Amino acid sequence: MKRITIEVGPFEVNCSIVHEGGRAFVVDPGFDAAAIMSALDGNALVPEAILLTHAHFDHIGAIPELQRRWPDLPVYVHPEDAKVITHPLNRMEPMYPAIQMPSNIRDCRGLDAARAIETPGHTPGGVCYYFEGDRLLMSGDTLFAGSVGRTDFPGGSMPTLMDSLRRLVAALPDETVVVPGHGPETTIGAEKLGNPFLQ
């Protein structure tokens, strides 16, 4: 798979477009729909789906504009996080207004293009998307380079997150490239060696 990753929004979310053979998936379109659409158009790509690692406002803000352009575009998310999308606290006005429930919501566990690994802790329905053939992991706010996601938001749990992390790093090869929700890329092997939360 080829990948285009751009930082979007004030929280500098890593929004990735993963594509191959005409299939394209937009991961965590948190902000700046114009930049996301420009990246798609510039590479002659039409998105097949939006993949959400979780549903916090900084990861979902561009969905309405993307669905206005592509009305049938499905949004894959874990059912436990689908309810987060329209939660009254899931906003930061005026940059991140509340959004309505997107159309064509689907359970990410039924996705065939990548394996949705359930990693609750940052949110109740957090997932990481693993593209096995490319050993590529989109970890959202579960795992960062040298750190892990916050658990002080509603529905967060540090013990749950730590359990998710243990299972995640045990299941994947060390050479797996990790693209987190924020910050620089890393690998599973590097995090096993240097991430204080995994020691």
C-alpha atoms as a PDB file:
ATOM      1  CA  MET A   1       0.000   0.000   0.000  1.00  0.00           C
ATOM      2  CA  LYS A   2       1.072   3.549  -0.678  1.00  0.00           C
ATOM      3  CA  ARG A   3       0.444   6.196   1.924  1.00  0.00           C
ATOM      4  CA  ILE A   4      -0.003   9.943   2.061  1.00  0.00           C
ATOM      5  CA  THR A   5      -0.009  11.420   5.568  1.00  0.00           C
ATOM      6  CA  ILE A   6      -0.828  15.047   6.252  1.00  0.00           C
ATOM      7  CA  GLU A   7      -1.177  16.927   9.535  1.00  0.00           C
ATOM      8  CA  VAL A   8      -4.599  18.477   9.861  1.00  0.00           C
ATOM      9  CA  GLY A   9      -6.069  20.928  12.313  1.00  0.00           C
ATOM     10  CA  PRO A  10      -4.826  22.742  15.400  1.00  0.00           C
ATOM     11  CA  PHE A  11      -4.137  19.415  17.132  1.00  0.00           C
ATOM     12  CA  GLU A  12      -1.968  18.254  14.206  1.00  0.00           C
ATOM     13  CA  VAL A  13      -3.754  14.961  13.645  1.00  0.00           C
ATOM     14  CA  ASN A  14      -2.042  12.583  11.240  1.00  0.00           C
ATOM     15  CA  CYS A  15      -4.672  12.009   8.568  1.00  0.00           C
ATOM     16  CA  SER A  16      -3.530   9.253   6.224  1.00  0.00           C
ATOM     17  CA  ILE A  17      -4.703   8.255   2.784  1.00  0.00           C
ATOM     18  CA  VAL A  18      -3.767   4.616   2.253  1.00  0.00           C
ATOM     19  CA  HIS A  19      -4.171   3.463  -1.333  1.00  0.00           C
ATOM     20  CA  GLU A  20      -3.337   0.738  -3.813  1.00  0.00           C
ATOM     21  CA  GLY A  21      -4.727  -0.326  -7.153  1.00  0.00           C
ATOM     22  CA  GLY A  22      -7.374   2.361  -7.172  1.00  0.00           C
ATOM     23  CA  ARG A  23      -8.618   1.588  -3.649  1.00  0.00           C
ATOM     24  CA  ALA A  24      -8.180   4.482  -1.222  1.00  0.00           C
ATOM     25  CA  PHE A  25      -9.033   4.803   2.457  1.00  0.00           C
ATOM     26  CA  VAL A  26      -8.968   8.010   4.487  1.00  0.00           C
ATOM     27  CA  VAL A  27      -7.922   7.419   8.089  1.00  0.00           C
ATOM     28  CA  ASP A  28      -8.970   9.965  10.728  1.00  0.00           C
ATOM     29  CA  PRO A  29     -10.020  12.990   8.649  1.00  0.00           C
ATOM     30  CA  GLY A  30      -9.998  15.365  11.587  1.00  0.00           C
ATOM     31  CA  PHE A  31      -9.894  18.786   9.932  1.00  0.00           C
ATOM     32  CA  ASP A  32      -9.204  20.660   6.697  1.00  0.00           C
ATOM     33  CA  ALA A  33     -11.316  18.708   4.256  1.00  0.00           C
ATOM     34  CA  ALA A  34      -9.973  20.892   1.424  1.00  0.00           C
ATOM     35  CA  ALA A  35      -6.412  19.651   2.014  1.00  0.00           C
ATOM     36  CA  ILE A  36      -7.592  16.044   2.202  1.00  0.00           C
ATOM     37  CA  MET A  37      -9.583  16.354  -1.015  1.00  0.00           C
ATOM     38  CA  SER A  38      -6.646  18.083  -2.707  1.00  0.00           C
ATOM     39  CA  ALA A  39      -4.390  15.160  -1.785  1.00  0.00           C
ATOM     40  CA  LEU A  40      -6.954  12.727  -3.168  1.00  0.00           C
ATOM     41  CA  ASP A  41      -7.501  14.711  -6.363  1.00  0.00           C
ATOM     42  CA  GLY A  42      -3.782  15.242  -6.869  1.00  0.00           C
ATOM     43  CA  ASN A  43      -3.270  11.492  -6.914  1.00  0.00           C
ATOM     44  CA  ALA A  44      -6.421  10.730  -8.960  1.00  0.00           C
ATOM     45  CA  LEU A  45      -7.978   8.894  -6.019  1.00  0.00           C
ATOM     46  CA  VAL A  46     -11.609   8.453  -5.046  1.00  0.00           C
ATOM     47  CA  PRO A  47     -11.993   7.317  -1.430  1.00  0.00           C
ATOM     48  CA  GLU A  48     -13.628   3.959  -0.833  1.00  0.00           C
ATOM     49  CA  ALA A  49     -14.169   4.556   2.883  1.00  0.00           C
ATOM     50  CA  ILE A  50     -13.294   6.623   5.926  1.00  0.00           C
ATOM     51  CA  LEU A  51     -11.648   4.667   8.740  1.00  0.00           C
ATOM     52  CA  LEU A  52     -11.835   6.065  12.270  1.00  0.00           C
ATOM     53  CA  THR A  53      -9.421   4.862  14.919  1.00  0.00           C
ATOM     54  CA  HIS A  54     -11.725   6.573  17.405  1.00  0.00           C
ATOM     55  CA  ALA A  55     -14.337   9.293  17.381  1.00  0.00           C
ATOM     56  CA  HIS A  56     -12.864  12.255  19.251  1.00  0.00           C
ATOM     57  CA  PHE A  57     -13.660  15.602  17.637  1.00  0.00           C
ATOM     58  CA  ASP A  58     -10.130  16.222  16.375  1.00  0.00           C
ATOM     59  CA  HIS A  59     -10.265  13.004  14.316  1.00  0.00           C
ATOM     60  CA  ILE A  60     -13.705  13.408  12.707  1.00  0.00           C
ATOM     61  CA  GLY A  61     -14.167  17.083  11.824  1.00  0.00           C
ATOM     62  CA  ALA A  62     -13.795  16.767   8.038  1.00  0.00           C
ATOM     63  CA  ILE A  63     -16.333  13.951   7.639  1.00  0.00           C
ATOM     64  CA  PRO A  64     -19.323  16.186   6.786  1.00  0.00           C
ATOM     65  CA  GLU A  65     -17.509  17.870   3.892  1.00  0.00           C
ATOM     66  CA  LEU A  66     -16.122  14.609   2.563  1.00  0.00           C
ATOM     67  CA  GLN A  67     -19.595  13.075   2.609  1.00  0.00           C
ATOM     68  CA  ARG A  68     -21.052  16.112   0.899  1.00  0.00           C
ATOM     69  CA  ARG A  69     -18.729  15.437  -2.018  1.00  0.00           C
ATOM     70  CA  TRP A  70     -19.090  11.646  -1.857  1.00  0.00           C
ATOM     71  CA  PRO A  71     -22.551  11.072  -0.335  1.00  0.00           C
ATOM     72  CA  ASP A  72     -22.299   7.271  -0.214  1.00  0.00           C
ATOM     73  CA  LEU A  73     -18.861   7.259   1.432  1.00  0.00           C
ATOM     74  CA  PRO A  74     -19.016   4.775   4.338  1.00  0.00           C
ATOM     75  CA  VAL A  75     -17.533   5.567   7.739  1.00  0.00           C
ATOM     76  CA  TYR A  76     -16.038   2.621   9.598  1.00  0.00           C
ATOM     77  CA  VAL A  77     -15.908   2.944  13.381  1.00  0.00           C
ATOM     78  CA  HIS A  78     -16.250   0.643  16.385  1.00  0.00           C
ATOM     79  CA  PRO A  79     -19.853   0.598  17.704  1.00  0.00           C
ATOM     80  CA  GLU A  80     -18.655   1.687  21.153  1.00  0.00           C
ATOM     81  CA  ASP A  81     -17.227   4.848  19.614  1.00  0.00           C
ATOM     82  CA  ALA A  82     -20.053   5.560  17.183  1.00  0.00           C
ATOM     83  CA  LYS A  83     -22.009   6.985  20.102  1.00  0.00           C
ATOM     84  CA  VAL A  84     -19.092   9.328  20.899  1.00  0.00           C
ATOM     85  CA  ILE A  85     -19.498  11.153  17.582  1.00  0.00           C
ATOM     86  CA  THR A  86     -22.567  13.102  18.701  1.00  0.00           C
ATOM     87  CA  HIS A  87     -21.820  13.256  22.443  1.00  0.00           C
ATOM     88  CA  PRO A  88     -22.463  16.809  23.731  1.00  0.00           C
ATOM     89  CA  LEU A  89     -18.876  17.095  25.009  1.00  0.00           C
ATOM     90  CA  ASN A  90     -17.324  15.953  21.720  1.00  0.00           C
ATOM     91  CA  ARG A  91     -16.636  19.423  20.341  1.00  0.00           C
ATOM     92  CA  MET A  92     -14.397  22.453  20.760  1.00  0.00           C
ATOM     93  CA  GLU A  93     -16.125  25.543  19.463  1.00  0.00           C
ATOM     94  CA  PRO A  94     -15.552  27.335  17.184  1.00  0.00           C
ATOM     95  CA  MET A  95     -12.819  25.267  15.495  1.00  0.00           C
ATOM     96  CA  TYR A  96     -14.494  21.903  16.056  1.00  0.00           C
ATOM     97  CA  PRO A  97     -18.271  22.295  16.110  1.00  0.00           C
ATOM     98  CA  ALA A  98     -20.492  19.359  16.894  1.00  0.00           C
ATOM     99  CA  ILE A  99     -21.306  17.205  13.894  1.00  0.00           C
ATOM    100  CA  GLN A 100     -24.364  15.121  13.152  1.00  0.00           C
ATOM    101  CA  MET A 101     -24.134  11.365  12.955  1.00  0.00           C
ATOM    102  CA  PRO A 102     -22.600  10.612   9.550  1.00  0.00           C
ATOM    103  CA  SER A 103     -24.566   8.557   7.082  1.00  0.00           C
ATOM    104  CA  ASN A 104     -23.517   5.032   6.147  1.00  0.00           C
ATOM    105  CA  ILE A 105     -21.859   4.172   9.483  1.00  0.00           C
ATOM    106  CA  ARG A 106     -20.380   0.675   9.476  1.00  0.00           C
ATOM    107  CA  ASP A 107     -18.763  -1.584  12.054  1.00  0.00           C
ATOM    108  CA  CYS A 108     -15.013  -1.394  11.527  1.00  0.00           C
ATOM    109  CA  ARG A 109     -14.653  -5.023  12.582  1.00  0.00           C
ATOM    110  CA  GLY A 110     -16.235  -5.992   9.255  1.00  0.00           C
ATOM    111  CA  LEU A 111     -13.646  -4.181   7.151  1.00  0.00           C
ATOM    112  CA  ASP A 112     -11.813  -6.432   4.687  1.00  0.00           C
ATOM    113  CA  ALA A 113      -9.017  -4.087   3.576  1.00  0.00           C
ATOM    114  CA  ALA A 114      -7.350  -3.974   6.992  1.00  0.00           C
ATOM    115  CA  ARG A 115      -7.693  -5.707  10.333  1.00  0.00           C
ATOM    116  CA  ALA A 116      -9.309  -3.567  12.993  1.00  0.00           C
ATOM    117  CA  ILE A 117      -7.544  -4.497  16.228  1.00  0.00           C
ATOM    118  CA  GLU A 118      -9.662  -3.521  19.216  1.00  0.00           C
ATOM    119  CA  THR A 119      -7.575  -1.362  21.558  1.00  0.00           C
ATOM    120  CA  PRO A 120      -9.896   0.289  24.065  1.00  0.00           C
ATOM    121  CA  GLY A 121      -8.506   2.564  26.738  1.00  0.00           C
ATOM    122  CA  HIS A 122      -8.162   6.002  25.156  1.00  0.00           C
ATOM    123  CA  THR A 123     -11.818   5.585  24.230  1.00  0.00           C
ATOM    124  CA  PRO A 124     -14.150   2.617  24.787  1.00  0.00           C
ATOM    125  CA  GLY A 125     -14.142   1.708  21.089  1.00  0.00           C
ATOM    126  CA  GLY A 126     -10.640   2.627  20.044  1.00  0.00           C
ATOM    127  CA  VAL A 127      -9.078   0.496  17.315  1.00  0.00           C
ATOM    128  CA  CYS A 128      -5.829   0.284  15.374  1.00  0.00           C
ATOM    129  CA  TYR A 129      -5.899  -0.611  11.678  1.00  0.00           C
ATOM    130  CA  TYR A 130      -3.310  -3.157  10.605  1.00  0.00           C
ATOM    131  CA  PHE A 131      -2.457  -3.573   6.938  1.00  0.00           C
ATOM    132  CA  GLU A 132      -0.780  -6.932   7.306  1.00  0.00           C
ATOM    133  CA  GLY A 133       0.777  -7.236   3.855  1.00  0.00           C
ATOM    134  CA  ASP A 134       2.576  -3.943   4.379  1.00  0.00           C
ATOM    135  CA  ARG A 135       3.208  -4.329   8.112  1.00  0.00           C
ATOM    136  CA  LEU A 136       1.630  -0.935   8.613  1.00  0.00           C
ATOM    137  CA  LEU A 137      -0.333   0.065  11.713  1.00  0.00           C
ATOM    138  CA  MET A 138      -2.509   3.145  12.038  1.00  0.00           C
ATOM    139  CA  SER A 139      -2.547   3.401  15.830  1.00  0.00           C
ATOM    140  CA  GLY A 140      -4.671   6.499  16.377  1.00  0.00           C
ATOM    141  CA  ASP A 141      -4.294   7.748  19.949  1.00  0.00           C
ATOM    142  CA  THR A 142      -3.544   4.316  21.388  1.00  0.00           C
ATOM    143  CA  LEU A 143       0.225   4.298  20.822  1.00  0.00           C
ATOM    144  CA  PHE A 144       2.564   7.223  20.138  1.00  0.00           C
ATOM    145  CA  ALA A 145       6.315   7.391  19.615  1.00  0.00           C
ATOM    146  CA  GLY A 146       7.558   7.169  23.187  1.00  0.00           C
ATOM    147  CA  SER A 147       4.147   7.590  24.771  1.00  0.00           C
ATOM    148  CA  VAL A 148       0.515   6.473  24.832  1.00  0.00           C
ATOM    149  CA  GLY A 149      -2.893   8.071  24.596  1.00  0.00           C
ATOM    150  CA  ARG A 150      -4.536  10.014  27.375  1.00  0.00           C
ATOM    151  CA  THR A 151      -7.134   8.266  29.492  1.00  0.00           C
ATOM    152  CA  ASP A 152      -8.593  11.226  31.411  1.00  0.00           C
ATOM    153  CA  PHE A 153     -11.416  11.791  28.937  1.00  0.00           C
ATOM    154  CA  PRO A 154     -14.879  10.311  29.522  1.00  0.00           C
ATOM    155  CA  GLY A 155     -14.736   6.561  28.865  1.00  0.00           C
ATOM    156  CA  GLY A 156     -10.958   6.398  29.152  1.00  0.00           C
ATOM    157  CA  SER A 157      -9.179   3.823  31.314  1.00  0.00           C
ATOM    158  CA  MET A 158      -5.435   3.468  31.868  1.00  0.00           C
ATOM    159  CA  PRO A 159      -5.620  -0.200  32.994  1.00  0.00           C
ATOM    160  CA  THR A 160      -7.671  -0.991  29.886  1.00  0.00           C
ATOM    161  CA  LEU A 161      -5.243   0.890  27.660  1.00  0.00           C
ATOM    162  CA  MET A 162      -2.245  -0.890  29.166  1.00  0.00           C
ATOM    163  CA  ASP A 163      -3.889  -4.253  28.509  1.00  0.00           C
ATOM    164  CA  SER A 164      -4.591  -3.195  24.919  1.00  0.00           C
ATOM    165  CA  LEU A 165      -0.973  -2.136  24.449  1.00  0.00           C
ATOM    166  CA  ARG A 166       0.410  -5.401  25.799  1.00  0.00           C
ATOM    167  CA  ARG A 167      -1.769  -7.378  23.421  1.00  0.00           C
ATOM    168  CA  LEU A 168      -0.953  -5.082  20.498  1.00  0.00           C
ATOM    169  CA  VAL A 169       2.831  -5.222  20.730  1.00  0.00           C
ATOM    170  CA  ALA A 170       2.799  -8.971  21.386  1.00  0.00           C
ATOM    171  CA  ALA A 171       0.748  -9.618  18.253  1.00  0.00           C
ATOM    172  CA  LEU A 172       2.713  -7.596  15.680  1.00  0.00           C
ATOM    173  CA  PRO A 173       6.198  -7.930  14.159  1.00  0.00           C
ATOM    174  CA  ASP A 174       8.879  -5.571  15.446  1.00  0.00           C
ATOM    175  CA  GLU A 175       9.336  -4.082  11.973  1.00  0.00           C
ATOM    176  CA  THR A 176       5.715  -2.927  11.826  1.00  0.00           C
ATOM    177  CA  VAL A 177       5.615   0.780  10.967  1.00  0.00           C
ATOM    178  CA  VAL A 178       3.349   2.682  13.344  1.00  0.00           C
ATOM    179  CA  VAL A 179       1.599   5.856  12.203  1.00  0.00           C
ATOM    180  CA  PRO A 180       0.106   7.393  15.357  1.00  0.00           C
ATOM    181  CA  GLY A 181      -2.727   9.865  15.574  1.00  0.00           C
ATOM    182  CA  HIS A 182      -0.269  12.640  16.437  1.00  0.00           C
ATOM    183  CA  GLY A 183       3.482  13.027  16.170  1.00  0.00           C
ATOM    184  CA  PRO A 184       6.245  11.122  14.403  1.00  0.00           C
ATOM    185  CA  GLU A 185       6.141   7.614  13.017  1.00  0.00           C
ATOM    186  CA  THR A 186       7.785   4.768  14.875  1.00  0.00           C
ATOM    187  CA  THR A 187       7.940   0.968  14.845  1.00  0.00           C
ATOM    188  CA  ILE A 188       6.688  -1.694  17.195  1.00  0.00           C
ATOM    189  CA  GLY A 189      10.271  -2.758  17.871  1.00  0.00           C
ATOM    190  CA  ALA A 190      11.361   0.765  18.777  1.00  0.00           C
ATOM    191  CA  GLU A 191       8.453   1.133  21.176  1.00  0.00           C
ATOM    192  CA  LYS A 192       9.191  -2.191  22.863  1.00  0.00           C
ATOM    193  CA  LEU A 193      12.720  -0.935  23.522  1.00  0.00           C
ATOM    194  CA  GLY A 194      12.138   2.694  24.358  1.00  0.00           C
ATOM    195  CA  ASN A 195       8.565   3.452  25.316  1.00  0.00           C
ATOM    196  CA  PRO A 196       8.409   3.776  29.131  1.00  0.00           C
ATOM    197  CA  PHE A 197       4.803   2.620  29.166  1.00  0.00           C
ATOM    198  CA  LEU A 198       5.800  -0.713  27.622  1.00  0.00           C
ATOM    199  CA  GLN A 199       8.669  -1.547  29.979  1.00  0.00           C
END
